[in-house]
Amino acid sequence: MGEIVLEKFGQKLDKNHSEGRQIIRKFLETHCKISKAASRDLFSLLEEVGTFYYQVDIPEDFMNMDLTSPYEEELCPGLVYQLNGWWEIRA
């Protein structure tokens, strides 16, 4: 199954975590003619075995931040939601 997804999207799907997950799951539903629940299970299985891997892109200026310091909204608003990345497809 990973090979089919690899053919469709290539080795790198440059989408954030949730958008990439939705795109791949929709493809699995359509291609395999399966339900949303089945595509969720299949996606989870393929992610668990390493076929799909989300790589977080951490900006360089965050690399040296002290992540144990108290969170200050004005310094990094919604930090968790701003971290982008891409999906790697390893088939």
N, C-alpha and C. Protein backbone atom coordinates (compact mmCIF):
# COMPACT_ATOMS: atom_id res chain seq x y z
N MET A 1 0.82 -1.19 0.00
CA MET A 1 0.00 0.00 0.00
C MET A 1 0.87 1.26 0.00
N GLY A 2 1.99 1.22 0.71
CA GLY A 2 2.87 2.37 0.75
C GLY A 2 3.38 2.78 -0.62
N GLU A 3 3.62 1.78 -1.48
CA GLU A 3 4.13 2.08 -2.82
C GLU A 3 3.12 2.88 -3.63
N ILE A 4 1.83 2.59 -3.44
CA ILE A 4 0.78 3.30 -4.18
C ILE A 4 0.72 4.75 -3.72
N VAL A 5 0.82 4.97 -2.42
CA VAL A 5 0.81 6.33 -1.89
C VAL A 5 2.08 7.06 -2.34
N LEU A 6 3.20 6.37 -2.38
CA LEU A 6 4.46 6.95 -2.84
C LEU A 6 4.35 7.39 -4.30
N GLU A 7 3.73 6.55 -5.14
CA GLU A 7 3.53 6.90 -6.55
C GLU A 7 2.68 8.16 -6.68
N LYS A 8 1.67 8.27 -5.86
CA LYS A 8 0.74 9.40 -5.94
C LYS A 8 1.37 10.71 -5.45
N PHE A 9 2.06 10.68 -4.31
CA PHE A 9 2.53 11.90 -3.67
C PHE A 9 4.05 12.10 -3.69
N GLY A 10 4.80 11.08 -4.03
CA GLY A 10 6.25 11.18 -3.96
C GLY A 10 6.72 10.92 -2.54
N GLN A 11 8.01 11.14 -2.29
CA GLN A 11 8.57 10.83 -0.98
C GLN A 11 8.26 11.88 0.07
N LYS A 12 7.86 13.07 -0.37
CA LYS A 12 7.61 14.15 0.57
C LYS A 12 6.32 14.86 0.23
N LEU A 13 5.39 14.86 1.18
CA LEU A 13 4.14 15.60 1.03
C LEU A 13 4.27 16.83 1.92
N ASP A 14 4.45 17.97 1.28
CA ASP A 14 4.76 19.22 1.99
C ASP A 14 3.47 19.87 2.49
N LYS A 15 2.87 19.26 3.49
CA LYS A 15 1.66 19.76 4.14
C LYS A 15 1.83 19.65 5.64
N ASN A 16 1.08 20.47 6.38
CA ASN A 16 1.18 20.36 7.83
C ASN A 16 0.58 19.03 8.30
N HIS A 17 0.69 18.77 9.58
CA HIS A 17 0.31 17.47 10.12
C HIS A 17 -1.13 17.09 9.78
N SER A 18 -2.08 17.93 10.15
CA SER A 18 -3.48 17.54 9.96
C SER A 18 -3.89 17.55 8.49
N GLU A 19 -3.43 18.53 7.72
CA GLU A 19 -3.81 18.60 6.31
C GLU A 19 -3.24 17.42 5.53
N GLY A 20 -1.99 17.08 5.76
CA GLY A 20 -1.39 15.94 5.09
C GLY A 20 -2.07 14.64 5.45
N ARG A 21 -2.39 14.49 6.73
CA ARG A 21 -3.10 13.30 7.19
C ARG A 21 -4.44 13.16 6.47
N GLN A 22 -5.18 14.27 6.36
CA GLN A 22 -6.49 14.25 5.68
C GLN A 22 -6.34 13.90 4.20
N ILE A 23 -5.34 14.47 3.55
CA ILE A 23 -5.13 14.21 2.12
C ILE A 23 -4.82 12.73 1.88
N ILE A 24 -3.92 12.18 2.68
CA ILE A 24 -3.56 10.77 2.50
C ILE A 24 -4.73 9.87 2.82
N ARG A 25 -5.45 10.16 3.91
CA ARG A 25 -6.60 9.32 4.27
C ARG A 25 -7.68 9.37 3.19
N LYS A 26 -7.94 10.54 2.62
CA LYS A 26 -8.94 10.66 1.55
C LYS A 26 -8.50 9.83 0.34
N PHE A 27 -7.21 9.86 0.02
CA PHE A 27 -6.70 9.05 -1.08
C PHE A 27 -6.90 7.56 -0.80
N LEU A 28 -6.61 7.14 0.43
CA LEU A 28 -6.80 5.73 0.81
C LEU A 28 -8.27 5.32 0.69
N GLU A 29 -9.16 6.20 1.13
CA GLU A 29 -10.60 5.92 1.02
C GLU A 29 -11.01 5.71 -0.43
N THR A 30 -10.59 6.64 -1.28
CA THR A 30 -10.97 6.60 -2.69
C THR A 30 -10.31 5.43 -3.42
N HIS A 31 -9.00 5.30 -3.25
CA HIS A 31 -8.26 4.27 -3.98
C HIS A 31 -8.66 2.85 -3.55
N CYS A 32 -8.81 2.65 -2.25
CA CYS A 32 -9.11 1.31 -1.73
C CYS A 32 -10.60 1.06 -1.57
N LYS A 33 -11.40 2.12 -1.82
CA LYS A 33 -12.86 2.02 -1.65
C LYS A 33 -13.21 1.52 -0.25
N ILE A 34 -12.69 2.25 0.75
CA ILE A 34 -12.92 1.89 2.15
C ILE A 34 -13.57 3.07 2.87
N SER A 35 -14.11 2.79 4.04
CA SER A 35 -14.78 3.81 4.83
C SER A 35 -13.77 4.75 5.50
N LYS A 36 -14.29 5.84 6.06
CA LYS A 36 -13.43 6.77 6.80
C LYS A 36 -12.78 6.08 7.99
N ALA A 37 -13.55 5.26 8.69
CA ALA A 37 -13.00 4.54 9.84
C ALA A 37 -11.89 3.59 9.42
N ALA A 38 -12.10 2.90 8.31
CA ALA A 38 -11.08 1.97 7.82
C ALA A 38 -9.83 2.72 7.36
N SER A 39 -10.02 3.89 6.73
CA SER A 39 -8.84 4.66 6.29
C SER A 39 -8.07 5.19 7.49
N ARG A 40 -8.78 5.54 8.56
CA ARG A 40 -8.11 5.99 9.79
C ARG A 40 -7.27 4.86 10.37
N ASP A 41 -7.83 3.66 10.41
CA ASP A 41 -7.11 2.49 10.92
C ASP A 41 -5.91 2.14 10.04
N LEU A 42 -6.11 2.17 8.73
CA LEU A 42 -5.02 1.86 7.80
C LEU A 42 -3.91 2.90 7.91
N PHE A 43 -4.29 4.17 7.96
CA PHE A 43 -3.29 5.23 8.10
C PHE A 43 -2.49 5.03 9.39
N SER A 44 -3.19 4.78 10.49
CA SER A 44 -2.52 4.58 11.79
C SER A 44 -1.55 3.41 11.73
N LEU A 45 -1.95 2.33 11.09
CA LEU A 45 -1.08 1.17 10.95
C LEU A 45 0.17 1.51 10.14
N LEU A 46 -0.03 2.19 9.02
CA LEU A 46 1.10 2.56 8.17
C LEU A 46 2.01 3.59 8.86
N GLU A 47 1.44 4.43 9.68
CA GLU A 47 2.25 5.37 10.45
C GLU A 47 3.04 4.63 11.53
N GLU A 48 2.40 3.67 12.17
CA GLU A 48 3.04 2.89 13.24
C GLU A 48 4.25 2.11 12.73
N VAL A 49 4.14 1.55 11.53
CA VAL A 49 5.26 0.76 10.99
C VAL A 49 6.30 1.63 10.27
N GLY A 50 6.06 2.95 10.21
CA GLY A 50 7.05 3.85 9.66
C GLY A 50 6.91 4.16 8.18
N THR A 51 5.83 3.72 7.55
CA THR A 51 5.61 4.04 6.14
C THR A 51 5.32 5.53 6.00
N PHE A 52 4.53 6.07 6.92
CA PHE A 52 4.26 7.51 6.97
C PHE A 52 4.94 8.07 8.20
N TYR A 53 5.67 9.15 8.02
CA TYR A 53 6.39 9.77 9.13
C TYR A 53 6.29 11.28 9.01
N TYR A 54 5.81 11.92 10.07
CA TYR A 54 5.72 13.39 10.04
C TYR A 54 6.98 13.99 10.61
N GLN A 55 7.65 14.80 9.81
CA GLN A 55 8.89 15.47 10.20
C GLN A 55 8.56 16.91 10.54
N VAL A 56 8.81 17.31 11.78
CA VAL A 56 8.54 18.68 12.21
C VAL A 56 9.68 19.58 11.76
N ASP A 57 9.31 20.72 11.23
CA ASP A 57 10.28 21.72 10.81
C ASP A 57 10.39 22.76 11.92
N ILE A 58 11.44 22.68 12.71
CA ILE A 58 11.63 23.60 13.82
C ILE A 58 12.50 24.76 13.34
N PRO A 59 11.95 25.98 13.37
CA PRO A 59 12.73 27.13 12.94
C PRO A 59 14.02 27.25 13.75
N GLU A 60 15.07 27.72 13.09
CA GLU A 60 16.38 27.77 13.73
C GLU A 60 16.39 28.64 14.99
N ASP A 61 15.60 29.73 15.00
CA ASP A 61 15.60 30.58 16.18
C ASP A 61 14.93 29.92 17.39
N PHE A 62 14.17 28.85 17.17
CA PHE A 62 13.58 28.10 18.28
C PHE A 62 14.54 27.03 18.81
N MET A 63 15.54 26.68 18.03
CA MET A 63 16.44 25.60 18.42
C MET A 63 17.19 25.90 19.71
N ASN A 64 17.48 27.17 19.95
CA ASN A 64 18.24 27.54 21.14
C ASN A 64 17.38 28.07 22.28
N MET A 65 16.06 28.00 22.12
CA MET A 65 15.17 28.48 23.17
C MET A 65 15.16 27.52 24.34
N ASP A 66 15.03 28.07 25.52
CA ASP A 66 14.89 27.26 26.73
C ASP A 66 13.42 26.84 26.83
N LEU A 67 13.15 25.60 26.47
CA LEU A 67 11.77 25.12 26.45
C LEU A 67 11.21 24.84 27.84
N THR A 68 12.05 24.93 28.86
CA THR A 68 11.55 24.70 30.22
C THR A 68 11.09 26.00 30.87
N SER A 69 11.36 27.15 30.23
CA SER A 69 10.93 28.42 30.82
C SER A 69 9.43 28.56 30.70
N PRO A 70 8.83 29.38 31.55
CA PRO A 70 7.38 29.57 31.48
C PRO A 70 6.96 30.10 30.12
N TYR A 71 5.84 29.65 29.67
CA TYR A 71 5.30 30.06 28.38
C TYR A 71 4.80 31.49 28.48
N GLU A 72 5.25 32.35 27.58
CA GLU A 72 4.79 33.73 27.55
C GLU A 72 4.11 33.96 26.21
N GLU A 73 2.81 34.18 26.26
CA GLU A 73 1.98 34.30 25.06
C GLU A 73 2.53 35.32 24.06
N GLU A 74 2.99 36.48 24.52
CA GLU A 74 3.44 37.51 23.59
C GLU A 74 4.75 37.14 22.89
N LEU A 75 5.54 36.25 23.47
CA LEU A 75 6.80 35.85 22.85
C LEU A 75 6.61 34.77 21.79
N CYS A 76 5.71 33.88 22.03
CA CYS A 76 5.50 32.78 21.07
C CYS A 76 4.04 32.35 21.07
N PRO A 77 3.17 33.18 20.49
CA PRO A 77 1.74 32.87 20.49
C PRO A 77 1.44 31.60 19.69
N GLY A 78 0.73 30.69 20.32
CA GLY A 78 0.35 29.47 19.63
C GLY A 78 1.51 28.68 19.09
N LEU A 79 2.61 28.65 19.80
CA LEU A 79 3.83 27.99 19.32
C LEU A 79 3.56 26.59 18.78
N VAL A 80 2.83 25.81 19.52
CA VAL A 80 2.58 24.43 19.11
C VAL A 80 1.87 24.38 17.76
N TYR A 81 0.94 25.29 17.53
CA TYR A 81 0.17 25.26 16.29
C TYR A 81 0.92 25.86 15.11
N GLN A 82 2.03 26.54 15.36
CA GLN A 82 2.79 27.16 14.29
C GLN A 82 3.90 26.27 13.75
N LEU A 83 4.20 25.20 14.44
CA LEU A 83 5.26 24.32 13.96
C LEU A 83 4.77 23.54 12.74
N ASN A 84 5.38 23.79 11.63
CA ASN A 84 5.02 23.10 10.40
C ASN A 84 5.99 21.98 10.12
N GLY A 85 5.76 21.29 9.06
CA GLY A 85 6.63 20.19 8.69
C GLY A 85 6.13 19.55 7.41
N TRP A 86 6.43 18.29 7.26
CA TRP A 86 6.02 17.56 6.05
C TRP A 86 5.90 16.09 6.40
N TRP A 87 5.16 15.41 5.55
CA TRP A 87 5.01 13.96 5.67
C TRP A 87 6.03 13.29 4.77
N GLU A 88 6.77 12.35 5.31
CA GLU A 88 7.67 11.53 4.52
C GLU A 88 6.96 10.21 4.26
N ILE A 89 7.03 9.76 3.02
CA ILE A 89 6.42 8.48 2.65
C ILE A 89 7.58 7.54 2.33
N ARG A 90 7.70 6.53 3.16
CA ARG A 90 8.84 5.60 3.08
C ARG A 90 8.33 4.22 2.69
N ALA A 91 8.34 3.96 1.41
CA ALA A 91 7.85 2.65 0.96
C ALA A 91 8.93 1.93 0.18
